[in-house]
N, C-alpha and C. Protein backbone atom coordinates (compact mmCIF):
# COMPACT_ATOMS: atom_id res chain seq x y z
N MET A 1 -30.09 22.06 46.63
CA MET A 1 -28.96 22.94 46.37
C MET A 1 -29.35 24.37 46.74
N PRO A 2 -28.48 25.09 47.47
CA PRO A 2 -28.82 26.46 47.89
C PRO A 2 -28.85 27.42 46.71
N HIS A 3 -29.69 28.44 46.84
CA HIS A 3 -29.77 29.50 45.84
C HIS A 3 -28.54 30.40 45.99
N LEU A 4 -28.07 30.96 44.89
CA LEU A 4 -26.88 31.81 44.91
C LEU A 4 -27.00 32.94 45.93
N ASP A 5 -28.17 33.57 46.02
CA ASP A 5 -28.36 34.67 46.98
C ASP A 5 -28.15 34.21 48.42
N ASP A 6 -28.40 32.92 48.69
CA ASP A 6 -28.21 32.40 50.04
C ASP A 6 -26.73 32.28 50.40
N LEU A 7 -25.87 32.23 49.39
CA LEU A 7 -24.44 32.08 49.62
C LEU A 7 -23.71 33.41 49.73
N LEU A 8 -24.37 34.49 49.33
CA LEU A 8 -23.73 35.81 49.32
C LEU A 8 -23.99 36.55 50.62
N LEU A 9 -23.04 37.38 50.99
CA LEU A 9 -23.25 38.27 52.12
C LEU A 9 -24.32 39.29 51.73
N PRO A 10 -25.04 39.86 52.70
CA PRO A 10 -26.12 40.81 52.35
C PRO A 10 -25.66 41.92 51.42
N ARG A 11 -24.48 42.50 51.61
CA ARG A 11 -24.06 43.61 50.76
C ARG A 11 -23.67 43.17 49.35
N GLU A 12 -23.50 41.86 49.14
CA GLU A 12 -23.13 41.35 47.83
C GLU A 12 -24.34 40.97 46.99
N ARG A 13 -25.50 40.87 47.62
CA ARG A 13 -26.70 40.48 46.88
C ARG A 13 -27.04 41.54 45.85
N ALA A 14 -27.52 41.08 44.74
CA ALA A 14 -27.88 42.02 43.67
C ALA A 14 -29.04 42.90 44.12
N ARG A 15 -28.90 44.18 43.87
CA ARG A 15 -30.00 45.11 44.16
C ARG A 15 -30.96 45.09 42.99
N PRO A 16 -32.23 45.33 43.28
CA PRO A 16 -33.17 45.39 42.16
C PRO A 16 -32.80 46.56 41.25
N ALA A 17 -33.02 46.37 39.98
CA ALA A 17 -32.70 47.42 39.01
C ALA A 17 -33.59 48.64 39.25
N HIS A 18 -33.03 49.82 39.01
CA HIS A 18 -33.80 51.06 39.13
C HIS A 18 -34.91 51.03 38.08
N PRO A 19 -36.11 51.50 38.42
CA PRO A 19 -37.22 51.43 37.46
C PRO A 19 -36.99 52.19 36.15
N LEU A 20 -36.08 53.15 36.14
CA LEU A 20 -35.80 53.90 34.91
C LEU A 20 -34.50 53.45 34.23
N ARG A 21 -33.92 52.38 34.70
CA ARG A 21 -32.63 51.94 34.16
C ARG A 21 -32.71 51.58 32.68
N TRP A 22 -33.87 51.17 32.21
CA TRP A 22 -34.03 50.82 30.80
C TRP A 22 -33.61 51.97 29.89
N ILE A 23 -33.73 53.18 30.38
CA ILE A 23 -33.38 54.35 29.56
C ILE A 23 -31.91 54.33 29.17
N VAL A 24 -31.05 53.96 30.11
CA VAL A 24 -29.61 54.05 29.87
C VAL A 24 -28.98 52.74 29.41
N GLU A 25 -29.78 51.70 29.20
CA GLU A 25 -29.23 50.43 28.75
C GLU A 25 -28.34 50.55 27.51
N PRO A 26 -28.68 51.40 26.53
CA PRO A 26 -27.78 51.52 25.37
C PRO A 26 -26.39 52.05 25.73
N LEU A 27 -26.26 52.74 26.85
CA LEU A 27 -24.96 53.27 27.26
C LEU A 27 -24.11 52.24 27.99
N MET A 28 -24.71 51.17 28.47
CA MET A 28 -24.01 50.21 29.31
C MET A 28 -22.90 49.45 28.60
N ASP A 29 -22.93 49.42 27.27
CA ASP A 29 -21.85 48.77 26.52
C ASP A 29 -20.59 49.62 26.46
N ASP A 30 -20.71 50.89 26.76
CA ASP A 30 -19.55 51.78 26.76
C ASP A 30 -18.64 51.37 27.93
N PRO A 31 -17.36 51.13 27.66
CA PRO A 31 -16.46 50.69 28.74
C PRO A 31 -16.28 51.72 29.85
N THR A 32 -16.66 52.97 29.60
CA THR A 32 -16.53 54.00 30.63
C THR A 32 -17.80 54.17 31.44
N TYR A 33 -18.83 53.40 31.14
CA TYR A 33 -20.11 53.51 31.83
C TYR A 33 -19.94 53.21 33.31
N LEU A 34 -20.55 54.06 34.14
CA LEU A 34 -20.52 53.87 35.59
C LEU A 34 -21.84 54.35 36.15
N GLU A 35 -22.34 53.63 37.14
CA GLU A 35 -23.59 53.99 37.79
C GLU A 35 -23.35 54.03 39.29
N LYS A 36 -23.83 55.07 39.95
CA LYS A 36 -23.64 55.21 41.39
C LYS A 36 -24.97 55.57 42.06
N ALA A 37 -25.16 55.03 43.26
CA ALA A 37 -26.33 55.39 44.06
C ALA A 37 -26.18 56.83 44.53
N MET A 38 -27.27 57.57 44.45
CA MET A 38 -27.27 58.97 44.88
C MET A 38 -28.61 59.31 45.51
N PHE A 39 -28.69 59.35 46.81
CA PHE A 39 -29.90 59.80 47.52
C PHE A 39 -31.16 59.11 47.01
N GLY A 40 -31.11 57.81 46.85
CA GLY A 40 -32.26 57.06 46.37
C GLY A 40 -32.41 57.09 44.86
N SER A 41 -31.51 57.74 44.18
CA SER A 41 -31.52 57.82 42.73
C SER A 41 -30.26 57.13 42.20
N ARG A 42 -30.07 57.16 40.89
CA ARG A 42 -28.88 56.57 40.28
C ARG A 42 -28.20 57.59 39.40
N GLY A 43 -26.95 57.90 39.71
CA GLY A 43 -26.14 58.77 38.87
C GLY A 43 -25.52 57.95 37.76
N VAL A 44 -25.56 58.47 36.54
CA VAL A 44 -25.03 57.77 35.37
C VAL A 44 -23.86 58.58 34.82
N TYR A 45 -22.72 57.91 34.65
CA TYR A 45 -21.50 58.54 34.18
C TYR A 45 -21.02 57.85 32.90
N VAL A 46 -20.57 58.65 31.95
CA VAL A 46 -19.98 58.14 30.72
C VAL A 46 -18.78 59.02 30.40
N ARG A 47 -17.68 58.39 30.04
CA ARG A 47 -16.44 59.10 29.70
C ARG A 47 -16.01 60.06 30.82
N GLY A 48 -16.22 59.64 32.05
CA GLY A 48 -15.80 60.43 33.20
C GLY A 48 -16.72 61.59 33.55
N GLN A 49 -17.81 61.74 32.85
CA GLN A 49 -18.74 62.82 33.14
C GLN A 49 -20.08 62.27 33.61
N MET A 50 -20.68 62.97 34.59
CA MET A 50 -22.04 62.62 34.97
C MET A 50 -22.94 63.17 33.88
N VAL A 51 -23.81 62.29 33.35
CA VAL A 51 -24.70 62.71 32.28
C VAL A 51 -26.16 62.74 32.70
N PHE A 52 -26.57 61.80 33.56
CA PHE A 52 -27.96 61.74 34.00
C PHE A 52 -28.04 61.34 35.46
N VAL A 53 -29.16 61.69 36.07
CA VAL A 53 -29.55 61.12 37.35
C VAL A 53 -30.96 60.58 37.15
N LEU A 54 -31.11 59.28 37.36
CA LEU A 54 -32.41 58.63 37.23
C LEU A 54 -33.10 58.68 38.58
N SER A 55 -34.28 59.24 38.61
CA SER A 55 -34.98 59.41 39.87
C SER A 55 -36.42 58.96 39.72
N ALA A 56 -36.83 58.02 40.56
CA ALA A 56 -38.20 57.52 40.52
C ALA A 56 -38.78 57.65 41.92
N GLY A 57 -40.06 57.67 41.99
CA GLY A 57 -40.71 57.76 43.28
C GLY A 57 -42.04 58.46 43.16
N ASP A 58 -42.62 58.76 44.30
CA ASP A 58 -43.95 59.35 44.33
C ASP A 58 -43.95 60.86 44.16
N ASP A 59 -42.82 61.51 44.40
CA ASP A 59 -42.76 62.97 44.33
C ASP A 59 -42.57 63.41 42.88
N PRO A 60 -43.57 64.03 42.25
CA PRO A 60 -43.46 64.42 40.85
C PRO A 60 -42.36 65.44 40.58
N ASP A 61 -41.91 66.14 41.62
CA ASP A 61 -40.81 67.10 41.44
C ASP A 61 -39.47 66.40 41.23
N TRP A 62 -39.42 65.11 41.52
CA TRP A 62 -38.17 64.35 41.39
C TRP A 62 -38.29 63.14 40.48
N ALA A 63 -39.48 62.74 40.11
CA ALA A 63 -39.66 61.54 39.28
C ALA A 63 -39.37 61.86 37.83
N GLY A 64 -38.24 61.35 37.34
CA GLY A 64 -37.85 61.59 35.96
C GLY A 64 -36.36 61.48 35.80
N VAL A 65 -35.84 62.19 34.82
CA VAL A 65 -34.42 62.15 34.50
C VAL A 65 -33.85 63.56 34.61
N LEU A 66 -32.86 63.69 35.47
CA LEU A 66 -32.10 64.95 35.54
C LEU A 66 -31.01 64.87 34.48
N VAL A 67 -30.86 65.91 33.70
CA VAL A 67 -29.85 65.97 32.65
C VAL A 67 -28.74 66.90 33.14
N ALA A 68 -27.59 66.32 33.39
CA ALA A 68 -26.46 67.09 33.89
C ALA A 68 -25.89 67.92 32.75
N THR A 69 -25.96 69.22 32.90
CA THR A 69 -25.49 70.12 31.86
C THR A 69 -25.15 71.48 32.48
N ASP A 70 -24.48 72.28 31.73
CA ASP A 70 -24.11 73.63 32.15
C ASP A 70 -25.26 74.57 31.79
N GLU A 71 -25.52 75.55 32.64
CA GLU A 71 -26.63 76.49 32.39
C GLU A 71 -26.52 77.19 31.04
N THR A 72 -25.31 77.37 30.54
CA THR A 72 -25.14 78.04 29.25
C THR A 72 -25.66 77.18 28.10
N ARG A 73 -25.91 75.91 28.35
CA ARG A 73 -26.39 75.01 27.30
C ARG A 73 -27.88 74.70 27.41
N HIS A 74 -28.53 75.25 28.42
CA HIS A 74 -29.96 74.98 28.62
C HIS A 74 -30.79 75.36 27.40
N ALA A 75 -30.63 76.56 26.92
CA ALA A 75 -31.48 77.05 25.83
C ALA A 75 -31.37 76.17 24.59
N ALA A 76 -30.17 75.79 24.22
CA ALA A 76 -29.98 74.95 23.03
C ALA A 76 -30.64 73.59 23.21
N LEU A 77 -30.48 72.99 24.38
CA LEU A 77 -31.11 71.69 24.63
C LEU A 77 -32.63 71.81 24.68
N GLN A 78 -33.14 72.88 25.27
CA GLN A 78 -34.59 73.06 25.35
C GLN A 78 -35.21 73.34 23.99
N ARG A 79 -34.47 73.99 23.09
CA ARG A 79 -34.99 74.19 21.74
C ARG A 79 -35.14 72.83 21.04
N GLU A 80 -34.16 71.97 21.23
CA GLU A 80 -34.21 70.65 20.59
C GLU A 80 -35.16 69.70 21.30
N PHE A 81 -35.24 69.83 22.62
CA PHE A 81 -36.06 68.93 23.44
C PHE A 81 -36.99 69.78 24.31
N PRO A 82 -38.12 70.23 23.76
CA PRO A 82 -39.02 71.12 24.49
C PRO A 82 -39.58 70.53 25.79
N ALA A 83 -39.52 69.21 25.96
CA ALA A 83 -40.02 68.58 27.18
C ALA A 83 -39.11 68.85 28.38
N LEU A 84 -37.88 69.30 28.13
CA LEU A 84 -36.94 69.58 29.22
C LEU A 84 -37.30 70.90 29.90
N VAL A 85 -37.29 70.87 31.22
CA VAL A 85 -37.53 72.08 32.01
C VAL A 85 -36.39 72.22 33.02
N ARG A 86 -36.23 73.42 33.51
CA ARG A 86 -35.27 73.61 34.60
C ARG A 86 -35.81 72.92 35.84
N HIS A 87 -34.96 72.18 36.52
CA HIS A 87 -35.42 71.49 37.72
C HIS A 87 -35.72 72.54 38.79
N GLY A 88 -36.78 72.32 39.55
CA GLY A 88 -37.22 73.27 40.57
C GLY A 88 -36.21 73.51 41.68
N MET A 89 -35.44 72.50 42.06
CA MET A 89 -34.47 72.68 43.15
C MET A 89 -33.04 72.71 42.63
N LEU A 90 -32.71 71.86 41.67
CA LEU A 90 -31.36 71.84 41.09
C LEU A 90 -31.40 72.62 39.79
N ARG A 91 -31.51 73.92 39.89
CA ARG A 91 -31.76 74.77 38.73
C ARG A 91 -30.62 74.78 37.73
N LYS A 92 -29.47 74.28 38.14
CA LYS A 92 -28.34 74.25 37.21
C LYS A 92 -28.50 73.15 36.16
N TRP A 93 -29.43 72.21 36.40
CA TRP A 93 -29.65 71.11 35.48
C TRP A 93 -31.05 71.14 34.90
N LEU A 94 -31.21 70.43 33.81
CA LEU A 94 -32.52 70.29 33.19
C LEU A 94 -33.18 69.00 33.68
N PHE A 95 -34.50 68.94 33.53
CA PHE A 95 -35.26 67.83 34.07
C PHE A 95 -36.29 67.38 33.05
N LEU A 96 -36.39 66.07 32.89
CA LEU A 96 -37.41 65.46 32.05
C LEU A 96 -38.36 64.72 32.98
N PRO A 97 -39.52 65.33 33.29
CA PRO A 97 -40.46 64.68 34.22
C PRO A 97 -41.06 63.41 33.61
N ILE A 98 -41.18 62.39 34.42
CA ILE A 98 -41.75 61.13 33.95
C ILE A 98 -43.19 61.32 33.49
N ALA A 99 -43.87 62.31 34.01
CA ALA A 99 -45.26 62.58 33.63
C ALA A 99 -45.38 63.27 32.27
N GLU A 100 -44.27 63.70 31.71
CA GLU A 100 -44.25 64.39 30.41
C GLU A 100 -44.78 63.45 29.33
N GLU A 101 -45.65 63.97 28.48
CA GLU A 101 -46.28 63.17 27.42
C GLU A 101 -45.25 62.46 26.53
N HIS A 102 -44.15 63.13 26.23
CA HIS A 102 -43.14 62.58 25.32
C HIS A 102 -41.91 62.07 26.08
N PHE A 103 -42.12 61.62 27.32
CA PHE A 103 -41.02 61.19 28.17
C PHE A 103 -40.14 60.14 27.50
N GLU A 104 -40.74 59.06 27.05
CA GLU A 104 -39.96 57.94 26.51
C GLU A 104 -39.16 58.36 25.28
N ASP A 105 -39.80 59.01 24.33
CA ASP A 105 -39.10 59.43 23.11
C ASP A 105 -37.97 60.41 23.42
N THR A 106 -38.23 61.34 24.32
CA THR A 106 -37.21 62.33 24.66
C THR A 106 -36.05 61.67 25.38
N ALA A 107 -36.34 60.77 26.31
CA ALA A 107 -35.27 60.08 27.05
C ALA A 107 -34.38 59.28 26.10
N ILE A 108 -35.00 58.57 25.17
CA ILE A 108 -34.23 57.78 24.20
C ILE A 108 -33.36 58.68 23.33
N ALA A 109 -33.90 59.82 22.91
CA ALA A 109 -33.13 60.76 22.08
C ALA A 109 -31.96 61.36 22.86
N LEU A 110 -32.17 61.65 24.14
CA LEU A 110 -31.08 62.20 24.97
C LEU A 110 -29.96 61.18 25.13
N VAL A 111 -30.31 59.93 25.33
CA VAL A 111 -29.30 58.88 25.44
C VAL A 111 -28.52 58.76 24.13
N ALA A 112 -29.20 58.86 23.01
CA ALA A 112 -28.52 58.81 21.71
C ALA A 112 -27.53 59.97 21.58
N ARG A 113 -27.90 61.14 22.09
CA ARG A 113 -26.98 62.29 22.06
C ARG A 113 -25.72 61.98 22.86
N VAL A 114 -25.89 61.37 24.03
CA VAL A 114 -24.73 61.02 24.86
C VAL A 114 -23.87 59.99 24.13
N GLN A 115 -24.50 59.01 23.50
CA GLN A 115 -23.75 58.00 22.75
C GLN A 115 -22.88 58.63 21.66
N HIS A 116 -23.39 59.71 21.07
CA HIS A 116 -22.65 60.37 19.99
C HIS A 116 -21.75 61.49 20.50
N GLY A 117 -21.60 61.60 21.82
CA GLY A 117 -20.66 62.57 22.40
C GLY A 117 -21.11 64.01 22.36
N ASP A 118 -22.40 64.27 22.42
CA ASP A 118 -22.91 65.64 22.42
C ASP A 118 -22.30 66.41 23.60
N PRO A 119 -21.54 67.46 23.34
CA PRO A 119 -20.86 68.19 24.42
C PRO A 119 -21.80 68.98 25.33
N ARG A 120 -23.07 69.10 24.95
CA ARG A 120 -24.02 69.85 25.78
C ARG A 120 -24.47 69.05 27.00
N ILE A 121 -24.28 67.74 26.96
CA ILE A 121 -24.74 66.88 28.06
C ILE A 121 -23.54 66.32 28.79
N GLY A 122 -23.49 66.56 30.08
CA GLY A 122 -22.43 66.02 30.92
C GLY A 122 -21.68 67.10 31.67
N VAL A 123 -21.37 66.78 32.91
CA VAL A 123 -20.55 67.66 33.73
C VAL A 123 -19.46 66.82 34.38
N THR A 124 -18.29 67.40 34.49
CA THR A 124 -17.19 66.70 35.14
C THR A 124 -17.33 66.85 36.64
N PRO A 125 -17.41 65.73 37.36
CA PRO A 125 -17.56 65.83 38.81
C PRO A 125 -16.32 66.43 39.46
N ARG A 126 -16.56 67.15 40.54
CA ARG A 126 -15.43 67.69 41.30
C ARG A 126 -14.69 66.54 41.95
N PRO A 127 -13.36 66.65 42.06
CA PRO A 127 -12.63 65.58 42.74
C PRO A 127 -13.03 65.53 44.22
N ARG A 128 -13.09 64.33 44.74
CA ARG A 128 -13.43 64.17 46.15
C ARG A 128 -12.27 64.61 47.02
N LYS A 129 -12.62 65.24 48.12
CA LYS A 129 -11.61 65.63 49.09
C LYS A 129 -11.20 64.39 49.87
N PRO A 130 -9.90 64.26 50.16
CA PRO A 130 -9.49 63.10 50.94
C PRO A 130 -10.10 63.16 52.33
N ARG A 131 -10.49 62.00 52.82
CA ARG A 131 -11.06 61.93 54.16
C ARG A 131 -9.97 62.14 55.19
N ALA A 132 -10.35 62.85 56.25
CA ALA A 132 -9.41 63.06 57.35
C ALA A 132 -9.21 61.73 58.08
N LYS A 133 -7.98 61.45 58.44
CA LYS A 133 -7.70 60.23 59.19
C LYS A 133 -8.14 60.43 60.62
N LYS A 134 -8.73 59.38 61.17
CA LYS A 134 -9.16 59.45 62.56
C LYS A 134 -7.98 59.23 63.47
N GLY A 135 -7.89 60.06 64.46
CA GLY A 135 -6.80 59.94 65.44
C GLY A 135 -7.18 58.99 66.55
N PRO A 136 -6.27 58.80 67.49
CA PRO A 136 -6.56 57.92 68.62
C PRO A 136 -7.69 58.49 69.47
N ILE A 137 -8.46 57.61 70.05
CA ILE A 137 -9.58 58.02 70.90
C ILE A 137 -9.01 58.46 72.24
N GLY A 138 -9.53 59.60 72.72
CA GLY A 138 -9.13 60.02 74.06
C GLY A 138 -8.44 61.24 74.08
């Protein structure tokens, strides 16, 4: 009997789970939970807001969890979660480096904040611009 993956088209085959996906598993029961691929990372959305970007890899500047938040909320979040730093390139968001000593505990606590609707975490994505229709060739 053929394996299920043999019956699926390549784009339908299940992708391997992101190595940091365990962090957001408690959010997956939320009916508004959405996950999207983003430049080799995974964007996590809850209640229509992007809350995290899970990023793994060899580059320590990107390996960890980006916390989508407004710059006006950085100080309050950093007081509560001292492991959070401003991301070196995406300075508008905070970053929890995977190399941080308290990475796991901090990540779990941040997810709990999202579960309880903490308004400091999450940004509403800008609406996508409609794609231009392609005209006839020639």
